[in-house]
């Protein structure tokens, strides 16, 4: 009996801090902190403040370690992408070169509809083959339902088992779209997934090549810019797509993880999150900016 009691004490004392008492729901927020384009490393739990619906919440677990990634690469294969198809091939090679052993990748493509080309795999050589043979050779059609594609990618994550991997949907697109999907952002919050996008250029010669009407540029409402920002992601317009993608992957790996106990709330309710630096950290990094998701959906269970 004494040995059993001692064992129970040891289990309680040495239980990892990330484990919480039964029935307590925990919200995880990954945050990227940068200043003048440079990632700020070395911050601690005391350097952060988290608010849920405006009310301060205690950070009960803090982490800052590189974690393996689950990434869905989403390729825009609408006709507006034709002038940039060589750059898309370059981006795909850079994307796979930035990933590491243990990361997993799925591939999707979209135009008027979204297609799952390859499900999650750690075989990056197979992914490269799939991109070359099944994505870059797709027939290009005029219509681009970009927010619907984002929603489809988030739903695919919702069907996956929960792990400790960081989740990201990475778009390769010109960010032109003709749809608005109100369910896309909540789906990303529910799936605990970041959306980021690499915006490739090439639209200037689209009319001459395709003889199709040139759509108005996306304002971020019908594109992915707004969704990316509110999931803690980003959209990059860069001259060197390969370098841009490597930078994006690295930033996903180096985020801080903040966990706090979820307040009592109705299942399915959407709640706001705001991550800030503490007054002391703000004095040290006066022009720092934070990227983190701005909300979450209360789970059903």
C-alpha atoms as a PDB file:
ATOM      1  CA  UNK A   1       0.000   0.000   0.000  1.00  0.00           C
ATOM      2  CA  UNK A   2       2.883   2.356   0.876  1.00  0.00           C
ATOM      3  CA  UNK A   3       4.601   1.612  -2.442  1.00  0.00           C
ATOM      4  CA  UNK A   4       1.389   2.353  -4.327  1.00  0.00           C
ATOM      5  CA  UNK A   5       0.965   5.680  -2.504  1.00  0.00           C
ATOM      6  CA  UNK A   6       4.554   6.687  -3.252  1.00  0.00           C
ATOM      7  CA  UNK A   7       4.071   5.806  -6.910  1.00  0.00           C
ATOM      8  CA  UNK A   8       0.963   7.988  -7.054  1.00  0.00           C
ATOM      9  CA  UNK A   9       2.884  10.922  -5.560  1.00  0.00           C
ATOM     10  CA  UNK A  10       5.666  10.493  -8.094  1.00  0.00           C
ATOM     11  CA  UNK A  11       3.210  10.432 -10.974  1.00  0.00           C
ATOM     12  CA  UNK A  12       1.616  13.664  -9.789  1.00  0.00           C
ATOM     13  CA  UNK A  13       4.898  15.472  -9.090  1.00  0.00           C
ATOM     14  CA  UNK A  14       6.604  14.521 -12.345  1.00  0.00           C
ATOM     15  CA  UNK A  15       3.614  14.793 -14.643  1.00  0.00           C
ATOM     16  CA  UNK A  16       4.555  16.999 -17.656  1.00  0.00           C
ATOM     17  CA  UNK A  17       3.239  20.523 -17.372  1.00  0.00           C
ATOM     18  CA  UNK A  18       1.475  20.252 -20.740  1.00  0.00           C
ATOM     19  CA  UNK A  19      -1.003  17.772 -19.255  1.00  0.00           C
ATOM     20  CA  UNK A  20      -3.990  19.288 -17.489  1.00  0.00           C
ATOM     21  CA  UNK A  21      -6.650  17.907 -15.249  1.00  0.00           C
ATOM     22  CA  UNK A  22      -9.367  15.852 -16.878  1.00  0.00           C
ATOM     23  CA  UNK A  23     -12.137  17.877 -18.492  1.00  0.00           C
ATOM     24  CA  UNK A  24     -10.147  21.112 -18.868  1.00  0.00           C
ATOM     25  CA  UNK A  25     -10.021  22.447 -22.424  1.00  0.00           C
ATOM     26  CA  UNK A  26      -6.890  24.267 -23.498  1.00  0.00           C
ATOM     27  CA  UNK A  27      -6.455  26.838 -26.266  1.00  0.00           C
ATOM     28  CA  UNK A  28      -3.141  26.817 -28.125  1.00  0.00           C
ATOM     29  CA  UNK A  29      -1.898  29.924 -29.906  1.00  0.00           C
ATOM     30  CA  UNK A  30       1.294  29.956 -31.969  1.00  0.00           C
ATOM     31  CA  UNK A  31       2.866  33.409 -32.201  1.00  0.00           C
ATOM     32  CA  UNK A  32       5.572  34.826 -34.425  1.00  0.00           C
ATOM     33  CA  UNK A  33       7.356  37.934 -33.114  1.00  0.00           C
ATOM     34  CA  UNK A  34       9.526  40.042 -35.399  1.00  0.00           C
ATOM     35  CA  UNK A  35      11.075  43.482 -35.581  1.00  0.00           C
ATOM     36  CA  UNK A  36      12.357  45.156 -38.741  1.00  0.00           C
ATOM     37  CA  UNK A  37      12.011  41.862 -40.613  1.00  0.00           C
ATOM     38  CA  UNK A  38      14.049  39.907 -38.050  1.00  0.00           C
ATOM     39  CA  UNK A  39      12.604  37.105 -35.947  1.00  0.00           C
ATOM     40  CA  UNK A  40      12.901  37.835 -32.213  1.00  0.00           C
ATOM     41  CA  UNK A  41      14.268  34.828 -30.378  1.00  0.00           C
ATOM     42  CA  UNK A  42      14.773  34.215 -26.660  1.00  0.00           C
ATOM     43  CA  UNK A  43      11.421  35.474 -25.341  1.00  0.00           C
ATOM     44  CA  UNK A  44       9.900  33.784 -22.280  1.00  0.00           C
ATOM     45  CA  UNK A  45       6.376  33.177 -21.007  1.00  0.00           C
ATOM     46  CA  UNK A  46       6.532  36.395 -18.975  1.00  0.00           C
ATOM     47  CA  UNK A  47       7.093  38.385 -22.156  1.00  0.00           C
ATOM     48  CA  UNK A  48       3.581  37.575 -23.448  1.00  0.00           C
ATOM     49  CA  UNK A  49       0.031  38.510 -22.577  1.00  0.00           C
ATOM     50  CA  UNK A  50      -3.022  36.681 -23.995  1.00  0.00           C
ATOM     51  CA  UNK A  51      -6.596  37.976 -23.959  1.00  0.00           C
ATOM     52  CA  UNK A  52      -9.708  35.921 -24.679  1.00  0.00           C
ATOM     53  CA  UNK A  53     -12.703  38.122 -25.530  1.00  0.00           C
ATOM     54  CA  UNK A  54     -10.738  41.007 -24.045  1.00  0.00           C
ATOM     55  CA  UNK A  55     -10.058  39.302 -20.700  1.00  0.00           C
ATOM     56  CA  UNK A  56      -6.533  38.400 -19.628  1.00  0.00           C
ATOM     57  CA  UNK A  57      -5.837  34.664 -19.424  1.00  0.00           C
ATOM     58  CA  UNK A  58      -2.996  32.943 -17.585  1.00  0.00           C
ATOM     59  CA  UNK A  59      -0.504  31.179 -19.836  1.00  0.00           C
ATOM     60  CA  UNK A  60      -0.368  27.694 -18.304  1.00  0.00           C
ATOM     61  CA  UNK A  61       2.127  26.219 -20.739  1.00  0.00           C
ATOM     62  CA  UNK A  62       4.781  27.877 -22.904  1.00  0.00           C
ATOM     63  CA  UNK A  63       6.959  26.320 -25.560  1.00  0.00           C
ATOM     64  CA  UNK A  64       9.541  27.456 -28.060  1.00  0.00           C
ATOM     65  CA  UNK A  65      10.920  24.512 -29.974  1.00  0.00           C
ATOM     66  CA  UNK A  66      10.932  23.488 -33.600  1.00  0.00           C
ATOM     67  CA  UNK A  67       8.136  21.019 -34.300  1.00  0.00           C
ATOM     68  CA  UNK A  68       7.483  18.870 -37.374  1.00  0.00           C
ATOM     69  CA  UNK A  69       5.057  20.326 -39.893  1.00  0.00           C
ATOM     70  CA  UNK A  70       1.925  19.059 -41.588  1.00  0.00           C
ATOM     71  CA  UNK A  71       1.620  21.172 -44.745  1.00  0.00           C
ATOM     72  CA  UNK A  72      -0.992  21.266 -47.482  1.00  0.00           C
ATOM     73  CA  UNK A  73       0.417  22.811 -50.650  1.00  0.00           C
ATOM     74  CA  UNK A  74      -2.464  24.365 -52.608  1.00  0.00           C
ATOM     75  CA  UNK A  75      -1.745  25.242 -56.235  1.00  0.00           C
ATOM     76  CA  UNK A  76      -3.829  27.712 -58.229  1.00  0.00           C
ATOM     77  CA  UNK A  77      -4.322  26.120 -61.661  1.00  0.00           C
ATOM     78  CA  UNK A  78      -6.736  28.686 -63.099  1.00  0.00           C
ATOM     79  CA  UNK A  79      -5.884  30.214 -66.470  1.00  0.00           C
ATOM     80  CA  UNK A  80      -4.571  33.455 -64.956  1.00  0.00           C
ATOM     81  CA  UNK A  81      -1.598  31.461 -63.682  1.00  0.00           C
ATOM     82  CA  UNK A  82      -0.361  30.448 -67.157  1.00  0.00           C
ATOM     83  CA  UNK A  83       2.238  33.244 -67.495  1.00  0.00           C
ATOM     84  CA  UNK A  84       3.715  32.247 -64.132  1.00  0.00           C
ATOM     85  CA  UNK A  85       3.740  28.467 -64.554  1.00  0.00           C
ATOM     86  CA  UNK A  86       7.551  28.256 -64.668  1.00  0.00           C
ATOM     87  CA  UNK A  87       7.752  30.205 -61.429  1.00  0.00           C
ATOM     88  CA  UNK A  88       5.230  27.827 -59.863  1.00  0.00           C
ATOM     89  CA  UNK A  89       7.527  24.912 -60.740  1.00  0.00           C
ATOM     90  CA  UNK A  90      10.391  26.801 -59.089  1.00  0.00           C
ATOM     91  CA  UNK A  91       8.303  27.419 -55.967  1.00  0.00           C
ATOM     92  CA  UNK A  92       7.368  23.749 -55.669  1.00  0.00           C
ATOM     93  CA  UNK A  93      11.023  22.717 -55.752  1.00  0.00           C
ATOM     94  CA  UNK A  94      11.902  25.340 -53.130  1.00  0.00           C
ATOM     95  CA  UNK A  95       8.992  24.298 -50.923  1.00  0.00           C
ATOM     96  CA  UNK A  96      10.075  20.680 -50.823  1.00  0.00           C
ATOM     97  CA  UNK A  97      13.703  21.684 -50.310  1.00  0.00           C
ATOM     98  CA  UNK A  98      12.704  23.662 -47.204  1.00  0.00           C
ATOM     99  CA  UNK A  99      10.955  20.684 -45.600  1.00  0.00           C
ATOM    100  CA  UNK A 100      12.717  18.149 -43.384  1.00  0.00           C
ATOM    101  CA  UNK A 101      12.564  14.513 -42.430  1.00  0.00           C
ATOM    102  CA  UNK A 102       9.461  14.014 -40.324  1.00  0.00           C
ATOM    103  CA  UNK A 103       7.417  16.705 -42.070  1.00  0.00           C
ATOM    104  CA  UNK A 104       4.348  15.577 -43.997  1.00  0.00           C
ATOM    105  CA  UNK A 105       2.877  17.094 -47.146  1.00  0.00           C
ATOM    106  CA  UNK A 106      -0.450  16.887 -48.958  1.00  0.00           C
ATOM    107  CA  UNK A 107      -1.102  18.444 -52.364  1.00  0.00           C
ATOM    108  CA  UNK A 108      -4.279  20.139 -53.590  1.00  0.00           C
ATOM    109  CA  UNK A 109      -5.083  22.134 -56.732  1.00  0.00           C
ATOM    110  CA  UNK A 110      -7.974  24.434 -57.513  1.00  0.00           C
ATOM    111  CA  UNK A 111      -9.674  26.399 -60.237  1.00  0.00           C
ATOM    112  CA  UNK A 112     -13.478  26.409 -60.268  1.00  0.00           C
ATOM    113  CA  UNK A 113     -13.251  23.297 -58.069  1.00  0.00           C
ATOM    114  CA  UNK A 114     -10.774  21.888 -55.571  1.00  0.00           C
ATOM    115  CA  UNK A 115      -9.033  18.549 -56.026  1.00  0.00           C
ATOM    116  CA  UNK A 116      -6.985  16.530 -53.542  1.00  0.00           C
ATOM    117  CA  UNK A 117      -4.047  15.392 -55.665  1.00  0.00           C
ATOM    118  CA  UNK A 118      -2.086  13.551 -52.967  1.00  0.00           C
ATOM    119  CA  UNK A 119      -2.854  12.939 -49.302  1.00  0.00           C
ATOM    120  CA  UNK A 120      -0.368  13.399 -46.456  1.00  0.00           C
ATOM    121  CA  UNK A 121       2.942  11.651 -46.943  1.00  0.00           C
ATOM    122  CA  UNK A 122       6.528  12.071 -45.754  1.00  0.00           C
ATOM    123  CA  UNK A 123       7.832  10.822 -49.127  1.00  0.00           C
ATOM    124  CA  UNK A 124       8.930  14.172 -50.570  1.00  0.00           C
ATOM    125  CA  UNK A 125      10.258  12.607 -53.794  1.00  0.00           C
ATOM    126  CA  UNK A 126       6.771  11.273 -54.493  1.00  0.00           C
ATOM    127  CA  UNK A 127       5.309  14.694 -53.779  1.00  0.00           C
ATOM    128  CA  UNK A 128       7.662  16.308 -56.291  1.00  0.00           C
ATOM    129  CA  UNK A 129       6.644  13.756 -58.928  1.00  0.00           C
ATOM    130  CA  UNK A 130       2.958  14.351 -58.247  1.00  0.00           C
ATOM    131  CA  UNK A 131       3.392  18.119 -58.593  1.00  0.00           C
ATOM    132  CA  UNK A 132       5.243  17.807 -61.887  1.00  0.00           C
ATOM    133  CA  UNK A 133       2.957  15.218 -63.463  1.00  0.00           C
ATOM    134  CA  UNK A 134      -0.472  15.982 -62.007  1.00  0.00           C
ATOM    135  CA  UNK A 135      -0.454  19.647 -60.976  1.00  0.00           C
ATOM    136  CA  UNK A 136       1.674  21.530 -63.486  1.00  0.00           C
ATOM    137  CA  UNK A 137       0.112  19.640 -66.398  1.00  0.00           C
ATOM    138  CA  UNK A 138      -3.495  20.289 -65.400  1.00  0.00           C
ATOM    139  CA  UNK A 139      -5.759  21.931 -67.950  1.00  0.00           C
ATOM    140  CA  UNK A 140      -6.096  25.588 -66.959  1.00  0.00           C
ATOM    141  CA  UNK A 141      -9.644  26.969 -66.761  1.00  0.00           C
ATOM    142  CA  UNK A 142     -10.727  30.610 -66.306  1.00  0.00           C
ATOM    143  CA  UNK A 143     -12.607  30.467 -63.010  1.00  0.00           C
ATOM    144  CA  UNK A 144     -10.784  30.627 -59.676  1.00  0.00           C
ATOM    145  CA  UNK A 145     -12.714  29.927 -56.454  1.00  0.00           C
ATOM    146  CA  UNK A 146      -9.877  30.793 -54.087  1.00  0.00           C
ATOM    147  CA  UNK A 147     -11.711  31.107 -50.756  1.00  0.00           C
ATOM    148  CA  UNK A 148     -13.660  27.918 -51.416  1.00  0.00           C
ATOM    149  CA  UNK A 149     -10.315  26.176 -51.978  1.00  0.00           C
ATOM    150  CA  UNK A 150      -9.056  27.562 -48.656  1.00  0.00           C
ATOM    151  CA  UNK A 151     -12.162  26.219 -46.925  1.00  0.00           C
ATOM    152  CA  UNK A 152     -11.656  22.802 -48.552  1.00  0.00           C
ATOM    153  CA  UNK A 153      -8.057  22.687 -47.313  1.00  0.00           C
ATOM    154  CA  UNK A 154      -9.104  23.570 -43.746  1.00  0.00           C
ATOM    155  CA  UNK A 155     -11.798  20.878 -43.839  1.00  0.00           C
ATOM    156  CA  UNK A 156      -9.183  18.338 -44.892  1.00  0.00           C
ATOM    157  CA  UNK A 157      -7.215  19.157 -41.749  1.00  0.00           C
ATOM    158  CA  UNK A 158     -10.385  18.764 -39.671  1.00  0.00           C
ATOM    159  CA  UNK A 159     -10.570  15.151 -40.849  1.00  0.00           C
ATOM    160  CA  UNK A 160      -7.020  14.431 -39.624  1.00  0.00           C
ATOM    161  CA  UNK A 161      -6.196  13.158 -36.119  1.00  0.00           C
ATOM    162  CA  UNK A 162      -4.795  15.744 -33.703  1.00  0.00           C
ATOM    163  CA  UNK A 163      -1.031  15.589 -33.188  1.00  0.00           C
ATOM    164  CA  UNK A 164       1.708  17.885 -31.859  1.00  0.00           C
ATOM    165  CA  UNK A 165       2.636  18.915 -35.405  1.00  0.00           C
ATOM    166  CA  UNK A 166       2.236  22.498 -36.519  1.00  0.00           C
ATOM    167  CA  UNK A 167      -0.374  22.793 -39.262  1.00  0.00           C
ATOM    168  CA  UNK A 168      -0.181  25.067 -42.278  1.00  0.00           C
ATOM    169  CA  UNK A 169      -1.926  25.562 -45.604  1.00  0.00           C
ATOM    170  CA  UNK A 170       0.425  27.204 -48.105  1.00  0.00           C
ATOM    171  CA  UNK A 171      -1.090  28.692 -51.269  1.00  0.00           C
ATOM    172  CA  UNK A 172       0.790  29.272 -54.516  1.00  0.00           C
ATOM    173  CA  UNK A 173      -1.481  31.709 -56.336  1.00  0.00           C
ATOM    174  CA  UNK A 174      -1.830  35.105 -58.008  1.00  0.00           C
ATOM    175  CA  UNK A 175      -4.547  35.866 -55.394  1.00  0.00           C
ATOM    176  CA  UNK A 176      -7.242  36.528 -57.978  1.00  0.00           C
ATOM    177  CA  UNK A 177     -10.587  34.977 -57.117  1.00  0.00           C
ATOM    178  CA  UNK A 178     -14.278  35.342 -57.729  1.00  0.00           C
ATOM    179  CA  UNK A 179     -15.760  33.880 -54.558  1.00  0.00           C
ATOM    180  CA  UNK A 180     -16.240  34.705 -50.909  1.00  0.00           C
ATOM    181  CA  UNK A 181     -16.643  31.866 -48.422  1.00  0.00           C
ATOM    182  CA  UNK A 182     -17.735  32.976 -44.966  1.00  0.00           C
ATOM    183  CA  UNK A 183     -16.992  29.548 -43.513  1.00  0.00           C
ATOM    184  CA  UNK A 184     -13.320  29.484 -44.486  1.00  0.00           C
ATOM    185  CA  UNK A 185     -11.907  31.481 -41.561  1.00  0.00           C
ATOM    186  CA  UNK A 186     -13.852  29.632 -38.803  1.00  0.00           C
ATOM    187  CA  UNK A 187     -12.758  26.338 -40.368  1.00  0.00           C
ATOM    188  CA  UNK A 188      -9.096  27.390 -40.040  1.00  0.00           C
ATOM    189  CA  UNK A 189      -9.656  28.424 -36.423  1.00  0.00           C
ATOM    190  CA  UNK A 190     -11.366  25.124 -35.665  1.00  0.00           C
ATOM    191  CA  UNK A 191      -8.583  23.130 -37.339  1.00  0.00           C
ATOM    192  CA  UNK A 192      -5.858  25.145 -35.521  1.00  0.00           C
ATOM    193  CA  UNK A 193      -4.224  25.823 -38.880  1.00  0.00           C
ATOM    194  CA  UNK A 194      -2.277  28.748 -40.347  1.00  0.00           C
ATOM    195  CA  UNK A 195      -2.877  29.919 -43.898  1.00  0.00           C
ATOM    196  CA  UNK A 196      -0.034  31.602 -45.762  1.00  0.00           C
ATOM    197  CA  UNK A 197       0.393  32.400 -49.413  1.00  0.00           C
ATOM    198  CA  UNK A 198       3.115  33.077 -51.920  1.00  0.00           C
ATOM    199  CA  UNK A 199       1.737  35.543 -54.478  1.00  0.00           C
ATOM    200  CA  UNK A 200       3.328  34.930 -57.868  1.00  0.00           C
ATOM    201  CA  UNK A 201       3.334  37.570 -60.591  1.00  0.00           C
ATOM    202  CA  UNK A 202       2.696  37.327 -64.298  1.00  0.00           C
ATOM    203  CA  UNK A 203      -0.747  38.865 -64.824  1.00  0.00           C
ATOM    204  CA  UNK A 204       0.496  41.690 -67.036  1.00  0.00           C
ATOM    205  CA  UNK A 205       0.682  39.484 -70.130  1.00  0.00           C
ATOM    206  CA  UNK A 206      -2.410  37.434 -69.377  1.00  0.00           C
ATOM    207  CA  UNK A 207      -4.733  39.314 -71.778  1.00  0.00           C
ATOM    208  CA  UNK A 208      -2.292  38.993 -74.700  1.00  0.00           C
ATOM    209  CA  UNK A 209      -1.768  35.257 -74.164  1.00  0.00           C
ATOM    210  CA  UNK A 210      -5.273  34.094 -73.300  1.00  0.00           C
ATOM    211  CA  UNK A 211      -7.506  36.761 -74.873  1.00  0.00           C
ATOM    212  CA  UNK A 212      -9.656  36.607 -71.742  1.00  0.00           C
ATOM    213  CA  UNK A 213     -11.086  39.506 -69.708  1.00  0.00           C
ATOM    214  CA  UNK A 214      -8.622  40.733 -67.121  1.00  0.00           C
ATOM    215  CA  UNK A 215     -10.280  40.660 -63.665  1.00  0.00           C
ATOM    216  CA  UNK A 216      -9.832  43.369 -61.104  1.00  0.00           C
ATOM    217  CA  UNK A 217      -7.055  42.659 -58.565  1.00  0.00           C
ATOM    218  CA  UNK A 218      -8.183  40.971 -55.382  1.00  0.00           C
ATOM    219  CA  UNK A 219      -8.497  43.326 -52.430  1.00  0.00           C
ATOM    220  CA  UNK A 220      -7.882  40.537 -49.918  1.00  0.00           C
ATOM    221  CA  UNK A 221     -11.628  40.141 -49.344  1.00  0.00           C
ATOM    222  CA  UNK A 222     -12.107  37.664 -52.166  1.00  0.00           C
ATOM    223  CA  UNK A 223      -8.495  36.483 -52.067  1.00  0.00           C
ATOM    224  CA  UNK A 224      -6.631  34.911 -49.163  1.00  0.00           C
ATOM    225  CA  UNK A 225      -4.956  37.980 -47.622  1.00  0.00           C
ATOM    226  CA  UNK A 226      -7.565  38.590 -44.927  1.00  0.00           C
ATOM    227  CA  UNK A 227      -7.845  34.905 -43.985  1.00  0.00           C
ATOM    228  CA  UNK A 228      -4.053  34.598 -43.799  1.00  0.00           C
ATOM    229  CA  UNK A 229      -3.764  37.584 -41.467  1.00  0.00           C
ATOM    230  CA  UNK A 230      -6.503  36.365 -39.116  1.00  0.00           C
ATOM    231  CA  UNK A 231      -5.042  32.856 -38.855  1.00  0.00           C
ATOM    232  CA  UNK A 232      -1.608  34.252 -37.987  1.00  0.00           C
ATOM    233  CA  UNK A 233      -0.199  33.704 -41.457  1.00  0.00           C
ATOM    234  CA  UNK A 234       1.073  36.010 -44.153  1.00  0.00           C
ATOM    235  CA  UNK A 235       1.120  36.598 -47.887  1.00  0.00           C
ATOM    236  CA  UNK A 236       4.427  37.329 -49.572  1.00  0.00           C
ATOM    237  CA  UNK A 237       5.061  39.018 -52.908  1.00  0.00           C
ATOM    238  CA  UNK A 238       8.714  38.424 -53.678  1.00  0.00           C
ATOM    239  CA  UNK A 239      10.994  38.569 -56.693  1.00  0.00           C
ATOM    240  CA  UNK A 240      12.574  35.248 -55.768  1.00  0.00           C
ATOM    241  CA  UNK A 241       9.754  32.748 -55.058  1.00  0.00           C
ATOM    242  CA  UNK A 242      12.129  30.044 -53.866  1.00  0.00           C
ATOM    243  CA  UNK A 243      13.693  32.290 -51.245  1.00  0.00           C
ATOM    244  CA  UNK A 244      10.253  33.488 -50.187  1.00  0.00           C
ATOM    245  CA  UNK A 245       8.978  29.988 -49.592  1.00  0.00           C
ATOM    246  CA  UNK A 246      12.006  28.948 -47.572  1.00  0.00           C
ATOM    247  CA  UNK A 247      11.524  32.048 -45.428  1.00  0.00           C
ATOM    248  CA  UNK A 248       7.850  31.197 -44.908  1.00  0.00           C
ATOM    249  CA  UNK A 249       8.603  27.620 -43.805  1.00  0.00           C
ATOM    250  CA  UNK A 250      11.313  28.777 -41.412  1.00  0.00           C
ATOM    251  CA  UNK A 251       8.965  31.301 -39.803  1.00  0.00           C
ATOM    252  CA  UNK A 252       6.380  28.585 -39.201  1.00  0.00           C
ATOM    253  CA  UNK A 253       8.964  26.473 -37.384  1.00  0.00           C
ATOM    254  CA  UNK A 254      10.193  29.197 -35.040  1.00  0.00           C
ATOM    255  CA  UNK A 255       6.911  30.249 -33.457  1.00  0.00           C
ATOM    256  CA  UNK A 256       6.231  30.472 -29.751  1.00  0.00           C
ATOM    257  CA  UNK A 257       3.450  28.219 -28.417  1.00  0.00           C
ATOM    258  CA  UNK A 258       1.156  29.683 -25.772  1.00  0.00           C
ATOM    259  CA  UNK A 259      -1.523  27.615 -24.018  1.00  0.00           C
ATOM    260  CA  UNK A 260      -4.265  28.809 -21.694  1.00  0.00           C
ATOM    261  CA  UNK A 261      -7.343  27.248 -20.140  1.00  0.00           C
ATOM    262  CA  UNK A 262     -10.437  27.828 -22.241  1.00  0.00           C
ATOM    263  CA  UNK A 263     -13.165  29.823 -20.460  1.00  0.00           C
ATOM    264  CA  UNK A 264     -16.627  28.319 -20.165  1.00  0.00           C
ATOM    265  CA  UNK A 265     -18.366  28.868 -23.478  1.00  0.00           C
ATOM    266  CA  UNK A 266     -21.027  27.397 -25.704  1.00  0.00           C
ATOM    267  CA  UNK A 267     -19.787  24.709 -28.139  1.00  0.00           C
ATOM    268  CA  UNK A 268     -19.460  26.145 -31.633  1.00  0.00           C
ATOM    269  CA  UNK A 269     -19.060  29.712 -30.346  1.00  0.00           C
ATOM    270  CA  UNK A 270     -16.440  31.865 -32.078  1.00  0.00           C
ATOM    271  CA  UNK A 271     -14.215  33.737 -29.607  1.00  0.00           C
ATOM    272  CA  UNK A 272     -11.519  36.350 -30.112  1.00  0.00           C
ATOM    273  CA  UNK A 273      -7.852  36.051 -29.152  1.00  0.00           C
ATOM    274  CA  UNK A 274      -5.297  38.842 -28.851  1.00  0.00           C
ATOM    275  CA  UNK A 275      -1.608  38.179 -28.180  1.00  0.00           C
ATOM    276  CA  UNK A 276       0.500  41.080 -26.918  1.00  0.00           C
ATOM    277  CA  UNK A 277       3.958  41.646 -25.516  1.00  0.00           C
ATOM    278  CA  UNK A 278       4.264  42.485 -21.843  1.00  0.00           C
ATOM    279  CA  UNK A 279       5.119  46.111 -20.974  1.00  0.00           C
ATOM    280  CA  UNK A 280       8.726  45.124 -20.237  1.00  0.00           C
ATOM    281  CA  UNK A 281       9.109  43.233 -23.544  1.00  0.00           C
ATOM    282  CA  UNK A 282       7.488  46.125 -25.396  1.00  0.00           C
ATOM    283  CA  UNK A 283      10.069  48.508 -23.953  1.00  0.00           C
ATOM    284  CA  UNK A 284      12.836  46.225 -25.244  1.00  0.00           C
ATOM    285  CA  UNK A 285      11.254  45.783 -28.673  1.00  0.00           C
ATOM    286  CA  UNK A 286       9.344  48.990 -29.330  1.00  0.00           C
ATOM    287  CA  UNK A 287       8.526  48.306 -32.979  1.00  0.00           C
ATOM    288  CA  UNK A 288       7.927  44.552 -32.699  1.00  0.00           C
ATOM    289  CA  UNK A 289       4.955  42.987 -34.471  1.00  0.00           C
ATOM    290  CA  UNK A 290       3.144  39.760 -33.598  1.00  0.00           C
ATOM    291  CA  UNK A 291       1.466  37.287 -35.920  1.00  0.00           C
ATOM    292  CA  UNK A 292      -1.033  34.992 -34.220  1.00  0.00           C
ATOM    293  CA  UNK A 293      -4.537  33.801 -34.941  1.00  0.00           C
ATOM    294  CA  UNK A 294      -7.239  36.223 -33.885  1.00  0.00           C
ATOM    295  CA  UNK A 295      -9.855  33.689 -32.804  1.00  0.00           C
ATOM    296  CA  UNK A 296     -10.943  30.097 -32.283  1.00  0.00           C
ATOM    297  CA  UNK A 297     -14.068  27.953 -32.297  1.00  0.00           C
ATOM    298  CA  UNK A 298     -15.144  26.295 -29.036  1.00  0.00           C
ATOM    299  CA  UNK A 299     -15.044  22.518 -29.669  1.00  0.00           C
ATOM    300  CA  UNK A 300     -18.076  20.326 -29.350  1.00  0.00           C
ATOM    301  CA  UNK A 301     -16.308  17.921 -26.973  1.00  0.00           C
END
